[in-house]
Amino acid sequence: MRSEPSKEDESFVKEEPYMDQINKYQRETGLTDAVQTGTGRINGIPVAIGVMDFQFMGGSMGSVVGEKITRLIEYATMKHLPLIIMCASGGARMQEGSFSLMQMAKISAALHVHQKEKKLLFIAVLTSPTTGGVTASFAMLGNVIIAEPKAYIAFAGKRVIEETLKQQVDEELQTAENLFDHGLIDLIVPRMLLKGVLTEILELYNYKPCP
């Protein structure tokens, strides 16, 4: 005889199919996925740039995001351009499983060529939040790592750590300021000052404005 569902069972809600979620976020944000990539100039200096958008599925990194960022890096390497990535992400996209996790290695491999073999600049700008697989890969691989004030930066979240280790986590532990104090990031820069700071870094690395 079939038992009646408990209140605990009723609290579970069936998740919307993945492609339906993608279509919904595309309609709501006007984006194709959680990152936009391209080239431009900062005070006349040519750059390749990627900007993650947290509004699209929490900025999660699936195969499309990973492919776009990898192609951006490869293009920057081919054209000898400095690379800037603005990070805002909840981490790897769990709906894609191992395909999502593969992007961490793929992007890191492309960055190795860009930075180590071709000696080109990569600046990572960490906004709030920058977490999970993004933090565990390219967000922390910049030649220069910049964070915005009070940005939440972590691999595992506060609740996950507390439930796993059965220890309370200080509210300030995973802030940009604490990471700066421990040498994990290089600069904390408010957004209104970011353009000027990026220009100074690019000039320090001997990148020049185009005529």
Protein backbone atom coordinates (compact mmCIF):
# COMPACT_ATOMS: atom_id res chain seq x y z
CA MET A 1 0.00 0.00 0.00
CA ARG A 2 1.39 3.39 -1.04
CA SER A 3 2.08 5.79 1.83
CA GLU A 4 1.15 9.44 1.80
CA PRO A 5 4.04 11.85 1.06
CA SER A 6 5.55 13.45 4.14
CA LYS A 7 6.01 17.16 4.64
CA GLU A 8 9.73 16.59 4.08
CA ASP A 9 9.02 15.05 0.67
CA GLU A 10 6.77 17.95 -0.28
CA SER A 11 9.62 20.41 0.32
CA PHE A 12 11.48 19.06 -2.73
CA VAL A 13 10.65 20.79 -6.00
CA LYS A 14 11.44 19.20 -9.35
CA GLU A 15 14.16 21.20 -11.10
CA GLU A 16 13.36 22.84 -14.41
CA PRO A 17 15.05 21.08 -17.38
CA TYR A 18 18.52 22.49 -18.05
CA MET A 19 17.80 23.76 -21.58
CA ASP A 20 14.66 25.48 -20.30
CA GLN A 21 16.79 27.23 -17.69
CA ILE A 22 19.27 28.33 -20.36
CA ASN A 23 16.48 29.69 -22.56
CA LYS A 24 14.96 31.56 -19.62
CA TYR A 25 18.22 33.26 -18.68
CA GLN A 26 18.91 34.14 -22.31
CA ARG A 27 15.55 35.88 -22.51
CA GLU A 28 15.96 37.64 -19.17
CA THR A 29 19.53 38.87 -19.66
CA GLY A 30 19.88 39.21 -23.42
CA LEU A 31 23.10 37.18 -23.17
CA THR A 32 23.93 33.87 -24.82
CA ASP A 33 25.75 32.62 -21.69
CA ALA A 34 27.54 33.84 -18.55
CA VAL A 35 30.52 35.56 -20.18
CA GLN A 36 31.08 38.16 -22.87
CA THR A 37 34.43 38.31 -24.63
CA GLY A 38 36.09 40.63 -27.09
CA THR A 39 38.82 43.18 -27.70
CA GLY A 40 39.06 46.89 -27.04
CA ARG A 41 41.31 49.63 -25.73
CA ILE A 42 41.97 51.03 -22.28
CA ASN A 43 43.22 54.59 -22.66
CA GLY A 44 44.40 53.63 -26.13
CA ILE A 45 46.12 50.37 -25.12
CA PRO A 46 44.74 47.33 -27.00
CA VAL A 47 43.51 44.51 -24.76
CA ALA A 48 41.56 41.26 -24.92
CA ILE A 49 38.85 41.18 -22.27
CA GLY A 50 36.30 38.79 -20.83
CA VAL A 51 33.48 39.88 -18.50
CA MET A 52 31.49 37.31 -16.52
CA ASP A 53 27.89 38.13 -15.60
CA PHE A 54 26.45 36.78 -12.34
CA GLN A 55 22.90 37.41 -13.56
CA PHE A 56 23.23 34.48 -15.98
CA MET A 57 22.90 31.34 -13.82
CA GLY A 58 25.09 32.83 -11.12
CA GLY A 59 27.95 33.34 -13.56
CA SER A 60 28.49 29.58 -13.48
CA MET A 61 31.16 28.10 -15.76
CA GLY A 62 29.83 25.53 -18.16
CA SER A 63 31.28 24.29 -21.44
CA VAL A 64 30.22 27.40 -23.37
CA VAL A 65 31.81 29.76 -20.85
CA GLY A 66 34.96 27.64 -20.79
CA GLU A 67 35.19 27.53 -24.58
CA LYS A 68 34.67 31.29 -24.95
CA ILE A 69 37.31 32.11 -22.35
CA THR A 70 39.77 29.61 -23.88
CA ARG A 71 39.28 31.07 -27.35
CA LEU A 72 39.74 34.58 -25.93
CA ILE A 73 43.04 33.55 -24.35
CA GLU A 74 44.23 31.87 -27.54
CA TYR A 75 43.32 34.95 -29.58
CA ALA A 76 45.15 37.22 -27.13
CA THR A 77 48.19 34.95 -27.37
CA MET A 78 48.12 34.93 -31.16
CA LYS A 79 47.80 38.72 -31.35
CA HIS A 80 50.24 39.36 -28.46
CA LEU A 81 47.60 41.21 -26.46
CA PRO A 82 47.39 41.63 -22.69
CA LEU A 83 44.42 39.74 -21.24
CA ILE A 84 41.92 40.96 -18.63
CA ILE A 85 39.14 38.80 -17.20
CA MET A 86 36.47 40.25 -14.88
CA CYS A 87 35.39 37.37 -12.66
CA ALA A 88 31.92 37.01 -11.11
CA SER A 89 30.88 33.43 -10.57
CA GLY A 90 29.37 30.85 -8.29
CA GLY A 91 31.78 28.30 -9.76
CA ALA A 92 31.45 25.32 -12.07
CA ARG A 93 27.98 24.70 -13.52
CA MET A 94 26.71 21.60 -11.72
CA GLN A 95 24.13 20.83 -14.42
CA GLU A 96 26.96 19.92 -16.81
CA GLY A 97 28.87 17.66 -14.44
CA SER A 98 32.36 16.66 -15.56
CA PHE A 99 32.10 18.77 -18.74
CA SER A 100 32.03 21.82 -16.50
CA LEU A 101 34.98 20.67 -14.41
CA MET A 102 37.02 20.05 -17.57
CA GLN A 103 36.93 23.78 -18.33
CA MET A 104 39.19 24.49 -15.36
CA ALA A 105 42.04 22.49 -16.89
CA LYS A 106 41.38 23.69 -20.44
CA ILE A 107 41.50 27.36 -19.49
CA SER A 108 44.53 26.87 -17.26
CA ALA A 109 46.40 25.14 -20.09
CA ALA A 110 45.69 28.04 -22.46
CA LEU A 111 46.88 30.49 -19.81
CA HIS A 112 50.12 28.54 -19.40
CA VAL A 113 50.94 29.18 -23.05
CA HIS A 114 49.91 32.84 -22.81
CA GLN A 115 51.86 33.60 -19.62
CA LYS A 116 54.74 31.17 -19.42
CA GLU A 117 55.60 30.44 -23.03
CA LYS A 118 54.74 33.76 -24.69
CA LYS A 119 55.44 35.95 -21.62
CA LEU A 120 52.19 37.89 -22.02
CA LEU A 121 50.22 39.62 -19.27
CA PHE A 122 47.04 38.33 -17.65
CA ILE A 123 45.19 40.51 -15.15
CA ALA A 124 42.40 38.88 -13.12
CA VAL A 125 39.81 41.21 -11.60
CA LEU A 126 37.77 39.53 -8.86
CA THR A 127 34.33 40.96 -8.18
CA SER A 128 31.81 39.68 -5.64
CA PRO A 129 31.30 36.77 -5.61
CA THR A 130 34.18 34.82 -7.14
CA THR A 131 33.91 31.25 -5.92
CA GLY A 132 34.19 27.53 -6.68
CA GLY A 133 35.90 26.28 -9.84
CA VAL A 134 36.56 29.78 -11.14
CA THR A 135 38.54 30.64 -8.00
CA ALA A 136 40.27 27.26 -8.19
CA SER A 137 41.45 27.95 -11.74
CA PHE A 138 41.95 31.13 -13.76
CA ALA A 139 40.80 33.70 -11.19
CA MET A 140 43.89 33.05 -9.09
CA LEU A 141 46.35 32.63 -11.98
CA GLY A 142 46.77 36.28 -12.93
CA ASN A 143 50.18 37.90 -13.16
CA VAL A 144 48.34 40.62 -11.27
CA ILE A 145 45.22 39.80 -9.21
CA ILE A 146 42.92 42.70 -8.35
CA ALA A 147 39.82 42.47 -6.15
CA GLU A 148 37.03 44.93 -5.47
CA PRO A 149 36.54 46.08 -1.86
CA LYS A 150 34.63 43.59 0.33
CA ALA A 151 34.43 41.07 -2.52
CA TYR A 152 33.49 37.55 -1.42
CA ILE A 153 36.24 35.25 -2.71
CA ALA A 154 36.33 31.56 -1.87
CA PHE A 155 36.55 28.00 -3.14
CA ALA A 156 34.07 26.35 -0.79
CA GLY A 157 31.41 28.55 0.74
CA LYS A 158 31.07 29.35 4.44
CA ARG A 159 28.14 26.97 5.00
CA VAL A 160 29.89 24.07 3.24
CA ILE A 161 33.03 24.53 5.33
CA GLU A 162 31.06 24.73 8.56
CA GLU A 163 29.00 21.63 7.78
CA THR A 164 32.08 19.66 6.70
CA LEU A 165 34.53 20.65 9.45
CA LYS A 166 31.93 21.32 12.16
CA GLN A 167 33.69 24.61 12.89
CA GLN A 168 32.42 28.16 12.71
CA VAL A 169 33.91 30.30 9.94
CA ASP A 170 34.63 33.96 10.63
CA GLU A 171 32.55 36.31 8.46
CA GLU A 172 35.70 38.17 7.38
CA LEU A 173 37.69 35.07 6.42
CA GLN A 174 36.66 35.01 2.75
CA THR A 175 36.76 38.72 2.01
CA ALA A 176 39.15 40.48 -0.38
CA GLU A 177 40.71 42.34 2.54
CA ASN A 178 41.65 39.14 4.39
CA LEU A 179 43.04 37.55 1.24
CA PHE A 180 45.11 40.68 0.63
CA ASP A 181 46.49 40.55 4.18
CA HIS A 182 47.62 36.97 3.51
CA GLY A 183 49.23 37.75 0.16
CA LEU A 184 46.73 35.96 -2.07
CA ILE A 185 45.77 39.03 -4.09
CA ASP A 186 47.85 42.02 -5.15
CA LEU A 187 45.51 45.01 -5.04
CA ILE A 188 42.09 46.08 -3.79
CA VAL A 189 40.65 48.67 -6.15
CA PRO A 190 37.19 50.33 -6.16
CA ARG A 191 35.47 50.07 -9.53
CA MET A 192 35.53 53.82 -10.13
CA LEU A 193 39.35 53.76 -9.99
CA LEU A 194 39.84 50.54 -11.93
CA LYS A 195 40.42 52.02 -15.38
CA GLY A 196 43.29 54.18 -14.16
CA VAL A 197 44.90 51.33 -12.22
CA LEU A 198 44.64 48.96 -15.18
CA THR A 199 46.27 51.60 -17.40
CA GLU A 200 49.18 51.98 -14.97
CA ILE A 201 49.71 48.21 -14.81
CA LEU A 202 49.63 47.87 -18.59
CA GLU A 203 52.17 50.68 -18.94
CA LEU A 204 54.34 49.09 -16.24
CA TYR A 205 54.43 45.93 -18.36
CA ASN A 206 55.47 48.08 -21.34
CA TYR A 207 52.20 47.97 -23.30
CA LYS A 208 51.75 51.13 -25.36
CA PRO A 209 48.71 52.97 -26.79
CA CYS A 210 48.12 52.50 -30.49
CA PRO A 211 48.70 55.63 -32.61
